[in-house]
Protein backbone atom coordinates (compact mmCIF):
# COMPACT_ATOMS: atom_id res chain seq x y z
CA MET A 1 75.05 -35.81 1.88
CA SER A 2 71.50 -36.04 0.59
CA ASP A 3 68.62 -36.00 3.00
CA ASN A 4 66.04 -38.68 2.20
CA THR A 5 63.69 -37.60 4.97
CA THR A 6 60.15 -37.17 3.66
CA PRO A 7 58.86 -33.64 4.38
CA PRO A 8 55.79 -33.48 6.60
CA SER A 9 52.46 -33.20 4.83
CA LEU A 10 50.64 -29.88 4.99
CA TYR A 11 47.28 -31.65 5.09
CA ALA A 12 45.98 -34.11 7.66
CA ALA A 13 43.79 -36.98 6.59
CA ARG A 14 40.18 -36.62 7.65
CA GLU A 15 39.21 -38.57 10.73
CA PRO A 16 35.51 -39.54 10.53
CA VAL A 17 33.31 -38.18 13.29
CA PHE A 18 31.19 -40.67 15.20
CA PRO A 19 28.99 -38.66 17.62
CA LYS A 20 27.98 -40.32 20.86
CA ARG A 21 24.33 -40.64 21.72
CA VAL A 22 23.09 -38.02 24.19
CA SER A 23 19.76 -37.11 25.73
CA GLY A 24 18.51 -33.75 26.89
CA ALA A 25 16.40 -30.72 26.00
CA PHE A 26 18.36 -29.74 22.89
CA ARG A 27 18.58 -33.29 21.60
CA ASN A 28 14.82 -33.68 22.05
CA MET A 29 14.26 -30.41 20.22
CA LYS A 30 16.37 -31.67 17.33
CA TRP A 31 14.36 -34.91 17.20
CA ILE A 32 11.09 -32.96 17.05
CA ILE A 33 12.34 -30.60 14.34
CA MET A 34 13.71 -33.53 12.34
CA LEU A 35 10.37 -35.36 12.46
CA VAL A 36 8.40 -32.24 11.53
CA THR A 37 10.65 -31.15 8.65
CA LEU A 38 11.00 -34.65 7.19
CA GLY A 39 7.27 -35.19 7.56
CA ILE A 40 6.54 -31.96 5.70
CA TYR A 41 8.99 -32.82 2.95
CA TYR A 42 7.86 -36.40 2.35
CA LEU A 43 4.10 -36.00 2.87
CA THR A 44 3.30 -32.62 1.30
CA PRO A 45 3.08 -33.89 -2.34
CA TRP A 46 0.33 -36.29 -1.28
CA ILE A 47 -1.99 -33.64 0.16
CA ARG A 48 -5.00 -33.04 -2.10
CA TRP A 49 -6.68 -29.67 -2.72
CA ASP A 50 -9.83 -29.27 -4.81
CA ARG A 51 -9.44 -26.41 -7.31
CA GLY A 52 -12.10 -27.38 -9.82
CA PRO A 53 -12.57 -29.85 -12.66
CA GLN A 54 -9.81 -28.52 -14.96
CA LEU A 55 -7.10 -27.78 -12.41
CA PRO A 56 -4.69 -30.12 -10.58
CA ASP A 57 -5.81 -31.27 -7.15
CA GLN A 58 -2.32 -31.45 -5.63
CA ALA A 59 -1.96 -28.95 -2.77
CA VAL A 60 1.65 -28.01 -3.58
CA LEU A 61 2.69 -28.34 -7.21
CA VAL A 62 5.29 -26.72 -9.45
CA ASP A 63 3.63 -27.06 -12.86
CA LEU A 64 6.51 -26.38 -15.24
CA ALA A 65 4.51 -27.37 -18.32
CA ASN A 66 1.93 -24.64 -17.71
CA ARG A 67 4.39 -22.34 -15.91
CA ARG A 68 2.45 -22.13 -12.69
CA PHE A 69 3.02 -22.76 -8.99
CA TYR A 70 0.19 -23.98 -6.78
CA PHE A 71 0.29 -23.66 -3.00
CA PHE A 72 -3.03 -24.69 -1.49
CA TRP A 73 -5.43 -21.84 -2.39
CA ILE A 74 -2.69 -19.64 -3.90
CA GLU A 75 -1.87 -19.83 -7.60
CA ILE A 76 1.26 -18.08 -8.86
CA TRP A 77 1.71 -17.55 -12.60
CA SER A 78 5.06 -17.21 -14.33
CA HIS A 79 4.76 -13.42 -14.71
CA GLU A 80 4.21 -13.17 -10.94
CA PHE A 81 7.66 -14.47 -10.07
CA TYR A 82 8.13 -11.46 -7.81
CA PHE A 83 6.24 -13.44 -5.16
CA VAL A 84 8.95 -16.11 -5.23
CA ALA A 85 11.64 -13.43 -5.17
CA GLY A 86 9.94 -11.87 -2.15
CA LEU A 87 9.87 -15.20 -0.33
CA LEU A 88 13.59 -15.68 -1.01
CA ILE A 89 14.28 -12.20 0.38
CA MET A 90 12.25 -13.06 3.49
CA ALA A 91 14.21 -16.31 3.88
CA GLY A 92 17.49 -14.41 3.70
CA LEU A 93 16.37 -11.76 6.19
CA GLY A 94 15.05 -14.49 8.49
CA LEU A 95 18.45 -16.18 8.38
CA PHE A 96 20.12 -12.87 9.24
CA LEU A 97 17.66 -12.34 12.11
CA PHE A 98 18.13 -15.74 13.73
CA THR A 99 21.90 -15.64 13.31
CA SER A 100 22.21 -12.18 14.86
CA ALA A 101 20.06 -13.25 17.82
CA LEU A 102 21.04 -16.89 18.47
CA GLY A 103 23.97 -17.73 16.22
CA ARG A 104 23.77 -20.58 13.72
CA VAL A 105 20.53 -22.07 15.02
CA TRP A 106 19.35 -22.65 11.45
CA CYS A 107 22.45 -24.75 10.81
CA GLY A 108 22.08 -26.66 14.05
CA TYR A 109 18.40 -27.54 13.83
CA ALA A 110 16.64 -26.99 10.49
CA CYS A 111 19.24 -26.99 7.70
CA PRO A 112 18.57 -29.92 5.31
CA GLN A 113 22.20 -31.00 5.63
CA THR A 114 21.81 -31.20 9.43
CA VAL A 115 18.41 -32.92 9.30
CA TRP A 116 19.47 -35.64 6.86
CA THR A 117 22.84 -36.13 8.57
CA ASP A 118 21.02 -36.67 11.87
CA LEU A 119 18.81 -39.23 10.14
CA PHE A 120 21.80 -41.03 8.62
CA ILE A 121 23.66 -41.08 11.96
CA LEU A 122 20.53 -42.45 13.66
CA VAL A 123 20.35 -45.31 11.15
CA GLU A 124 24.09 -45.90 11.52
CA ARG A 125 23.74 -46.10 15.30
CA TRP A 126 20.86 -48.57 15.02
CA ILE A 127 22.89 -50.86 12.78
CA GLU A 128 26.48 -50.53 14.04
CA GLY A 129 25.99 -49.43 17.66
CA ASP A 130 26.95 -46.33 19.61
CA ARG A 131 30.16 -44.34 19.27
CA ASN A 132 32.64 -46.84 20.72
CA ALA A 133 31.27 -49.71 18.64
CA ARG A 134 31.42 -47.62 15.47
CA LEU A 135 34.96 -46.51 16.26
CA ARG A 136 36.09 -50.10 16.74
CA LEU A 137 34.45 -51.13 13.49
CA HIS A 138 36.07 -48.22 11.64
CA ARG A 139 39.54 -49.02 13.00
CA GLN A 140 39.21 -52.72 12.31
CA LYS A 141 41.55 -53.37 9.40
CA LYS A 142 40.33 -56.87 8.65
CA TRP A 143 37.10 -57.19 6.72
CA ASP A 144 35.28 -60.15 8.21
CA LEU A 145 31.70 -61.23 7.56
CA ARG A 146 30.36 -59.16 10.45
CA LYS A 147 31.91 -55.91 9.24
CA LEU A 148 30.81 -56.61 5.68
CA ARG A 149 27.26 -57.40 6.80
CA LEU A 150 27.00 -54.23 8.91
CA ARG A 151 28.41 -51.97 6.21
CA VAL A 152 26.23 -53.44 3.45
CA THR A 153 23.13 -53.15 5.64
CA LYS A 154 23.95 -49.54 6.49
CA PHE A 155 24.60 -48.57 2.89
CA ILE A 156 21.36 -50.19 1.74
CA ALA A 157 19.43 -48.25 4.40
CA TRP A 158 21.17 -45.02 3.36
CA PHE A 159 20.38 -45.71 -0.29
CA VAL A 160 16.69 -46.21 0.53
CA ILE A 161 16.63 -42.87 2.38
CA GLY A 162 18.34 -41.16 -0.54
CA LEU A 163 15.94 -42.76 -3.01
CA ALA A 164 12.95 -41.63 -0.95
CA THR A 165 14.45 -38.12 -0.85
CA GLY A 166 14.86 -37.96 -4.61
CA GLY A 167 11.47 -39.53 -5.16
CA ALA A 168 9.74 -37.00 -2.91
CA TRP A 169 11.41 -34.14 -4.77
CA VAL A 170 10.12 -35.15 -8.22
CA PHE A 171 6.61 -35.53 -6.79
CA TYR A 172 6.50 -31.76 -6.34
CA PHE A 173 6.65 -31.32 -10.13
CA ALA A 174 3.92 -33.72 -11.24
CA ASP A 175 0.80 -35.38 -9.90
CA ALA A 176 2.27 -37.58 -7.18
CA PRO A 177 -0.01 -40.70 -7.46
CA THR A 178 0.23 -40.74 -11.25
CA LEU A 179 3.98 -40.23 -11.25
CA LEU A 180 4.47 -42.98 -8.66
CA VAL A 181 2.68 -45.48 -10.89
CA ASP A 182 4.73 -44.34 -13.89
CA LEU A 183 7.97 -44.65 -11.93
CA VAL A 184 7.17 -48.18 -10.75
CA THR A 185 6.01 -49.35 -14.18
CA GLY A 186 8.96 -47.74 -15.99
CA GLN A 187 6.78 -45.31 -17.95
CA ALA A 188 8.02 -42.06 -16.35
CA HIS A 189 10.05 -39.53 -18.32
CA PRO A 190 13.84 -40.13 -18.24
CA ILE A 191 14.28 -36.75 -16.56
CA ALA A 192 12.36 -38.06 -13.54
CA TYR A 193 14.66 -41.06 -13.18
CA THR A 194 17.76 -38.92 -13.72
CA THR A 195 16.67 -36.41 -11.09
CA MET A 196 15.88 -39.17 -8.59
CA LEU A 197 19.24 -40.89 -9.07
CA THR A 198 21.12 -37.59 -8.85
CA LEU A 199 19.41 -36.64 -5.59
CA THR A 200 19.84 -40.17 -4.26
CA ALA A 201 23.58 -40.00 -4.87
CA THR A 202 23.99 -36.50 -3.41
CA THR A 203 21.88 -37.33 -0.34
CA PHE A 204 23.87 -40.53 0.23
CA PHE A 205 27.19 -38.70 -0.10
CA PHE A 206 26.29 -35.52 1.80
CA GLY A 207 24.47 -37.19 4.69
CA GLY A 208 26.42 -40.41 4.97
CA ILE A 209 29.97 -39.81 3.78
CA ALA A 210 30.83 -36.10 3.79
CA ARG A 211 28.65 -34.99 6.72
CA GLU A 212 30.44 -32.20 8.62
CA GLN A 213 32.76 -31.58 5.67
CA ILE A 214 29.86 -30.06 3.74
CA CYS A 215 29.23 -27.58 6.56
CA ILE A 216 32.89 -26.70 6.92
CA TYR A 217 34.08 -26.52 3.31
CA ALA A 218 31.12 -26.47 0.91
CA CYS A 219 28.70 -24.15 2.73
CA PRO A 220 29.50 -20.41 2.56
CA TRP A 221 27.48 -19.49 5.62
CA PRO A 222 30.20 -20.22 8.25
CA ARG A 223 32.31 -17.52 6.59
CA ILE A 224 29.43 -15.04 6.41
CA GLN A 225 27.95 -15.55 9.85
CA ALA A 226 30.52 -13.31 11.57
CA ALA A 227 29.05 -10.28 9.79
CA MET A 228 25.63 -11.07 11.34
CA MET A 229 26.89 -11.56 14.90
CA ASP A 230 28.19 -9.19 17.57
CA GLU A 231 29.07 -9.33 21.25
CA ASP A 232 25.38 -9.46 22.23
CA THR A 233 24.61 -12.53 20.11
CA LEU A 234 23.69 -15.58 22.14
CA THR A 235 25.76 -18.53 20.98
CA ILE A 236 27.16 -21.65 22.58
CA GLY A 237 30.22 -21.09 24.70
CA TYR A 238 32.28 -22.49 27.56
CA ARG A 239 32.52 -20.68 30.90
CA ASP A 240 36.26 -21.05 31.27
CA TRP A 241 36.31 -18.83 34.37
CA ARG A 242 34.28 -21.53 36.06
CA GLY A 243 35.69 -24.66 34.42
CA GLU A 244 39.43 -23.93 34.47
CA PRO A 245 41.83 -25.28 35.48
CA ARG A 246 40.55 -28.67 34.40
CA GLY A 247 41.19 -31.70 36.48
CA LYS A 248 40.01 -35.25 36.95
CA LEU A 249 37.38 -35.84 39.58
CA ARG A 250 38.79 -37.11 42.86
CA LYS A 251 36.94 -38.18 45.97
CA GLN A 252 39.41 -36.46 48.28
CA GLN A 253 40.83 -33.37 46.62
CA ASP A 254 43.97 -31.73 47.97
CA ALA A 255 43.11 -28.14 48.84
CA SER A 256 46.40 -27.02 47.29
CA GLN A 257 45.36 -28.54 43.94
CA GLU A 258 42.09 -26.71 43.45
CA THR A 259 40.51 -27.28 40.02
CA GLY A 260 37.51 -25.94 38.16
CA ASP A 261 34.20 -27.64 37.45
CA CYS A 262 35.42 -29.17 34.19
CA ILE A 263 36.66 -32.72 34.83
CA ASP A 264 37.93 -33.13 31.25
CA CYS A 265 35.55 -36.03 30.61
CA MET A 266 35.42 -35.22 26.86
CA ALA A 267 31.64 -35.72 26.84
CA CYS A 268 31.14 -32.44 24.98
CA VAL A 269 33.63 -33.49 22.31
CA ASN A 270 32.27 -37.02 21.93
CA VAL A 271 28.71 -35.85 21.17
CA CYS A 272 29.67 -33.02 18.78
CA PRO A 273 28.62 -33.82 15.19
CA MET A 274 31.32 -31.45 13.93
CA GLY A 275 34.08 -33.12 15.96
CA ILE A 276 35.28 -29.91 17.67
CA ASP A 277 36.03 -29.01 21.27
CA ILE A 278 33.82 -26.10 22.33
CA ARG A 279 36.21 -25.41 25.21
CA ASP A 280 38.71 -24.04 22.70
CA GLY A 281 36.45 -21.01 22.15
CA GLN A 282 34.26 -19.84 19.29
CA GLN A 283 34.98 -21.76 16.09
CA MET A 284 33.76 -21.48 12.54
CA GLU A 285 32.73 -25.15 12.54
CA CYS A 286 30.27 -24.83 15.45
CA ILE A 287 26.64 -25.09 14.29
CA THR A 288 25.20 -24.30 17.77
CA CYS A 289 23.18 -27.51 17.91
CA GLY A 290 23.34 -27.60 21.72
CA LEU A 291 24.30 -31.28 22.07
CA CYS A 292 27.43 -30.34 24.02
CA ILE A 293 25.19 -28.49 26.48
CA ASP A 294 23.11 -31.63 27.05
CA ALA A 295 26.23 -33.76 27.52
CA CYS A 296 27.87 -31.33 29.94
CA ASP A 297 24.69 -30.75 31.95
CA GLU A 298 24.27 -34.51 32.31
CA MET A 299 27.83 -34.81 33.61
CA MET A 300 27.41 -31.88 36.00
CA ASP A 301 24.33 -33.58 37.45
CA LYS A 302 26.37 -36.74 38.05
CA ILE A 303 29.17 -34.98 39.91
CA GLY A 304 26.90 -32.64 41.84
CA LYS A 305 27.93 -29.40 40.11
CA PRO A 306 25.57 -26.70 38.83
CA ARG A 307 24.54 -26.84 35.19
CA GLY A 308 25.55 -24.26 32.62
CA LEU A 309 29.30 -24.86 32.33
CA ILE A 310 28.59 -24.96 28.59
CA ASP A 311 25.61 -22.84 27.66
CA TYR A 312 24.20 -20.20 25.35
CA LEU A 313 26.34 -17.17 26.19
CA ALA A 314 26.95 -13.63 25.00
CA LEU A 315 30.43 -12.14 25.01
CA SER A 316 29.10 -8.93 26.52
CA ASP A 317 28.02 -10.85 29.65
CA GLU A 318 31.44 -12.39 30.30
CA PRO A 319 32.77 -9.52 32.50
CA ARG A 320 29.59 -9.59 34.60
CA GLU A 321 29.77 -13.34 35.14
CA ARG A 322 33.45 -13.22 36.05
CA GLU A 323 32.49 -10.81 38.81
CA GLY A 324 29.80 -13.19 40.02
CA LYS A 325 26.90 -11.16 38.65
CA PRO A 326 24.02 -12.85 36.77
CA PRO A 327 23.93 -12.42 32.98
CA ARG A 328 21.46 -10.05 31.41
CA SER A 329 18.03 -11.31 30.39
CA VAL A 330 17.80 -13.35 27.23
CA TRP A 331 15.24 -10.90 25.87
CA LYS A 332 17.69 -8.00 26.18
CA HIS A 333 20.04 -9.89 23.90
CA ILE A 334 17.34 -10.78 21.40
CA PHE A 335 15.54 -7.43 21.24
CA ARG A 336 18.22 -4.93 20.27
CA VAL A 337 18.82 -2.55 17.36
CA ARG A 338 20.26 -5.09 14.93
CA THR A 339 17.58 -7.73 15.45
CA MET A 340 14.77 -5.16 15.44
CA MET A 341 16.07 -3.81 12.14
CA TYR A 342 16.04 -7.28 10.59
CA THR A 343 12.58 -7.94 12.04
CA THR A 344 11.24 -4.70 10.60
CA LEU A 345 12.63 -5.40 7.13
CA TRP A 346 11.35 -8.98 7.24
CA SER A 347 7.88 -7.80 8.29
CA LEU A 348 7.74 -5.10 5.62
CA VAL A 349 8.54 -7.58 2.86
CA GLY A 350 5.96 -10.04 4.26
CA VAL A 351 3.23 -7.41 4.51
CA GLY A 352 4.05 -6.23 1.00
CA LEU A 353 3.70 -9.76 -0.39
CA VAL A 354 0.38 -10.33 1.38
CA PHE A 355 -0.90 -6.96 0.17
CA ALA A 356 0.19 -7.72 -3.42
CA LEU A 357 -1.43 -11.15 -3.20
CA PHE A 358 -4.81 -9.76 -2.20
CA ILE A 359 -4.91 -6.80 -4.57
CA ARG A 360 -3.84 -8.66 -7.72
CA PRO A 361 -6.64 -8.50 -10.29
CA ALA A 362 -8.79 -11.45 -11.25
CA ILE A 363 -8.51 -10.33 -14.89
CA GLU A 364 -5.25 -9.40 -16.53
CA MET A 365 -4.92 -7.63 -19.86
CA THR A 366 -1.90 -6.39 -21.75
CA VAL A 367 -2.06 -4.17 -24.83
CA ALA A 368 0.73 -3.94 -27.42
CA PRO A 369 0.23 -1.56 -30.36
CA VAL A 370 1.29 -2.97 -33.73
CA ARG A 371 3.88 -0.53 -35.09
CA ASN A 372 4.50 -2.01 -38.52
CA PRO A 373 2.80 -0.01 -39.91
CA VAL A 374 1.93 2.57 -37.26
CA TYR A 375 -1.46 3.18 -38.92
CA VAL A 376 -3.33 2.20 -42.07
CA THR A 377 -5.36 4.58 -44.24
CA MET A 378 -8.56 2.86 -45.33
CA SER A 379 -10.25 3.32 -48.74
CA ASP A 380 -12.74 5.80 -47.29
CA GLY A 381 -9.94 7.85 -45.72
CA SER A 382 -10.44 6.62 -42.15
CA ILE A 383 -7.41 5.76 -40.01
CA ARG A 384 -7.00 2.32 -38.46
CA ASN A 385 -4.62 1.29 -35.65
CA THR A 386 -4.08 -2.35 -34.72
CA TYR A 387 -3.37 -3.72 -31.24
CA ASP A 388 -2.45 -7.13 -29.85
CA ILE A 389 -4.42 -7.69 -26.65
CA ARG A 390 -3.66 -10.60 -24.33
CA LEU A 391 -6.42 -11.69 -22.00
CA LEU A 392 -5.57 -13.97 -19.08
CA ASN A 393 -8.29 -16.15 -17.57
CA LYS A 394 -7.18 -17.31 -14.10
CA HIS A 395 -10.37 -19.25 -13.43
CA GLY A 396 -10.84 -22.99 -13.75
CA GLU A 397 -13.60 -22.62 -16.34
CA ASP A 398 -14.09 -20.93 -19.71
CA ARG A 399 -15.13 -17.31 -19.35
CA PRO A 400 -16.69 -14.81 -21.82
CA PHE A 401 -14.92 -11.44 -21.89
CA ARG A 402 -16.23 -8.22 -23.47
CA LEU A 403 -13.87 -5.62 -24.86
CA THR A 404 -14.90 -1.97 -25.02
CA LEU A 405 -13.16 1.30 -25.85
CA LYS A 406 -13.12 4.59 -24.00
CA ALA A 407 -11.99 7.26 -26.46
CA ASP A 408 -13.37 9.90 -28.82
CA PRO A 409 -17.05 9.11 -29.54
CA THR A 410 -16.37 8.95 -33.26
CA MET A 411 -13.93 6.04 -32.87
CA ARG A 412 -15.06 2.43 -33.06
CA LEU A 413 -13.69 -0.93 -31.99
CA GLN A 414 -13.44 -4.00 -34.22
CA LEU A 415 -12.28 -7.46 -33.15
CA GLU A 416 -10.52 -9.44 -35.83
CA GLY A 417 -12.28 -12.69 -36.67
CA THR A 418 -15.63 -11.88 -35.05
CA PRO A 419 -18.31 -9.20 -35.54
CA TYR A 420 -18.95 -9.12 -31.78
CA GLU A 421 -17.21 -7.42 -28.89
CA THR A 422 -17.14 -10.65 -26.87
CA VAL A 423 -14.54 -13.41 -26.91
CA THR A 424 -14.28 -16.61 -24.89
CA VAL A 425 -11.03 -17.34 -23.05
CA LYS A 426 -10.45 -20.95 -22.09
CA ALA A 427 -9.83 -21.97 -18.48
CA ASN A 428 -6.38 -21.08 -17.15
CA GLU A 429 -5.18 -19.92 -20.54
CA THR A 430 -4.14 -16.74 -22.31
CA LEU A 431 -5.89 -15.53 -25.46
CA LEU A 432 -4.13 -13.29 -27.99
CA GLN A 433 -6.77 -11.19 -29.73
CA LYS A 434 -6.01 -8.74 -32.54
CA VAL A 435 -8.12 -5.58 -32.22
CA HIS A 436 -8.59 -2.69 -34.66
CA VAL A 437 -9.51 0.86 -33.65
CA ILE A 438 -10.85 3.00 -36.50
CA ALA A 439 -11.22 6.80 -36.54
CA PRO A 440 -13.28 8.53 -39.32
CA ARG A 441 -11.38 10.61 -41.88
CA HIS A 442 -12.33 14.06 -40.58
CA SER A 443 -12.35 13.23 -36.85
CA ASP A 444 -9.91 14.86 -34.49
CA PRO A 445 -8.08 11.58 -33.66
CA ALA A 446 -7.55 10.83 -37.36
CA LYS A 447 -5.90 14.14 -38.15
CA GLY A 448 -4.57 15.11 -34.75
CA GLY A 449 -1.40 12.99 -34.54
CA ARG A 450 -1.77 11.11 -31.21
CA ALA A 451 -4.76 10.52 -28.97
CA ASP A 452 -5.07 8.76 -25.63
CA ILE A 453 -7.42 5.77 -25.53
CA ARG A 454 -8.34 3.17 -22.93
CA PHE A 455 -9.33 -0.46 -23.46
CA TRP A 456 -11.71 -2.05 -20.97
CA VAL A 457 -12.30 -5.77 -20.47
CA GLU A 458 -15.21 -7.17 -18.47
CA ASP A 459 -15.76 -10.71 -17.20
CA LEU A 460 -19.41 -11.28 -18.10
CA THR A 461 -19.68 -14.04 -15.48
CA THR A 462 -18.55 -12.08 -12.43
CA GLY A 463 -18.63 -8.48 -13.63
CA ASP A 464 -14.93 -7.99 -12.80
CA ARG A 465 -13.26 -5.32 -14.95
CA ALA A 466 -9.75 -4.25 -15.91
CA HIS A 467 -8.33 -1.59 -18.20
CA ASN A 468 -5.17 -0.65 -20.04
CA ASP A 469 -4.19 2.74 -21.45
CA THR A 470 -2.44 3.25 -24.78
CA VAL A 471 -2.37 5.74 -27.67
CA PHE A 472 -3.98 6.04 -31.10
CA ASN A 473 -1.78 7.33 -33.91
CA GLY A 474 -3.49 9.47 -36.55
CA ARG A 475 -2.19 11.39 -39.56
CA ASP A 476 0.40 14.04 -38.88
CA ASP A 477 -0.99 16.80 -41.12
CA GLN A 478 1.25 19.51 -39.72
C-alpha cells in the first residue's frame, strides 16, 4: 500500500517580527544614537570647509576624479592609502574590543542595519500602530481599503527614507549643492542615478523587509563573535536561578507552589527585534540591544520585584550570584588582559597614524632613472644620465620649485625644456620633469662605473625642502 502522506518540511516559513514599543534607559540610548548617527550621515556632505580658491569647499569629500579624499583640514592623496588602511584596522580592533568587553553592542546600537531598521520600525509603528495592531493587519487575509491604504503609505515612507539614504551617499562623491541641482534637473551622470536607485532598493529591502534576517543569515559577525568573547564578557542574560520556576502572578500564592520572579509575561520576547526569547540562554541571534532589559525592569516595577532579572551578566559571576553574593565590578570585567591587549593595539595604530599624518612632507618628489639607455656618451666624450622626476604640489596655489644636485663638483644638472633650475608646479597637481645629469669625460663619475647622487627640491615660496637619492652610471672602463 502506498503512503500518500506528505513528508514534513525541513524549513519553517519566516514569521515576521513586530517588536512592541518599550521605554527605558536602553531604548532612550538607542534613540539618541540613532539621531546622532543619522544626523551625521545625512548632514555631513552639506558642511562647508574653506581650503582656498582652487580646492573644493566640502568638508568631507571623496574626489574620485582627482584621486583625493578630503576630511575637514586633512587631505589624503591616492598614494597615501595607508591612512585608510590604518583606519580600517582601527575599526576592526575597536569592534574586537567592544565585543570582548560588552558583547555585540555595535550590532545593537550603531550598526547601520540596526539604525535603519529602527527607523523603519518607527515609521511602521506611526502608520500601522503598535505590535498588536500590526499583527492583526499582517494576519488579515482580506485586502480591504484600510489595509491597502496603510501598506501603500508605509511603503511610500520607506521609499522616501531609502531615496534619502542613497541621495546622501552620492553627495559624498561630488559637491553636494551642485549635484542636488543636477539630480533634480535631470543633468546628473547616470552613475549617480544608478547608485541612488541601488541604495534605495537595498535600504528598503534590508530595513523594511528582511530586517533581522540580514543579521542572522547575511552578516558574518554572529559567527565570529564567539572568538572575541569569554566567560568575563558582559552580555545580556537571564538570571534563571532567580526567575525559575516561572509562574503566573497570583494575589494569593499557595506556599506549596512557590515560583520564581519570572511571571512568563512574554514582555521580553515581544520587544525583541530579533524575535528570540532571551530566557532560553545565549543565542547567536541576540544583538544585545537591551530592550528586553527595559521591558523586564518595567514589569518587575509593576509587580514589586527587584530589577535585574534580565541584565548585562558575565558567566563567571553566575556561581557567585547563585550563592547570594554580589557580582564583581563592571570595571573588573572590562579591564582585563584581552581587552587591554585590544586597547593597546588600537592605540598603537592610532598613534602611528597621527604621527604619520604630522610628519608627512609638504613636498613630495620621486626619482626614476631612465634605463634605456643607461647612459649616453655626448660628442665631447661627457656622460649623460637621464631621470624622470615627479614633483607633487599639495598646496592650493601654483608654486615655483628649484631643483639642485648634490654630487661630484664636476657634474652639472640640466632640466629638459628650460635653461633654468626652476619649474612651476600647478596647484594640487603632479609635474613630470625630465632631468639630465652630465659628468665631464675625464671626471671620476664618468669613468668610475657608479656614483651616488642626491636630488634636492626647494619650494621657493615657503623654503620647504625634500630630497631623493639615486645613482649615476658612468663608463665601465675596467
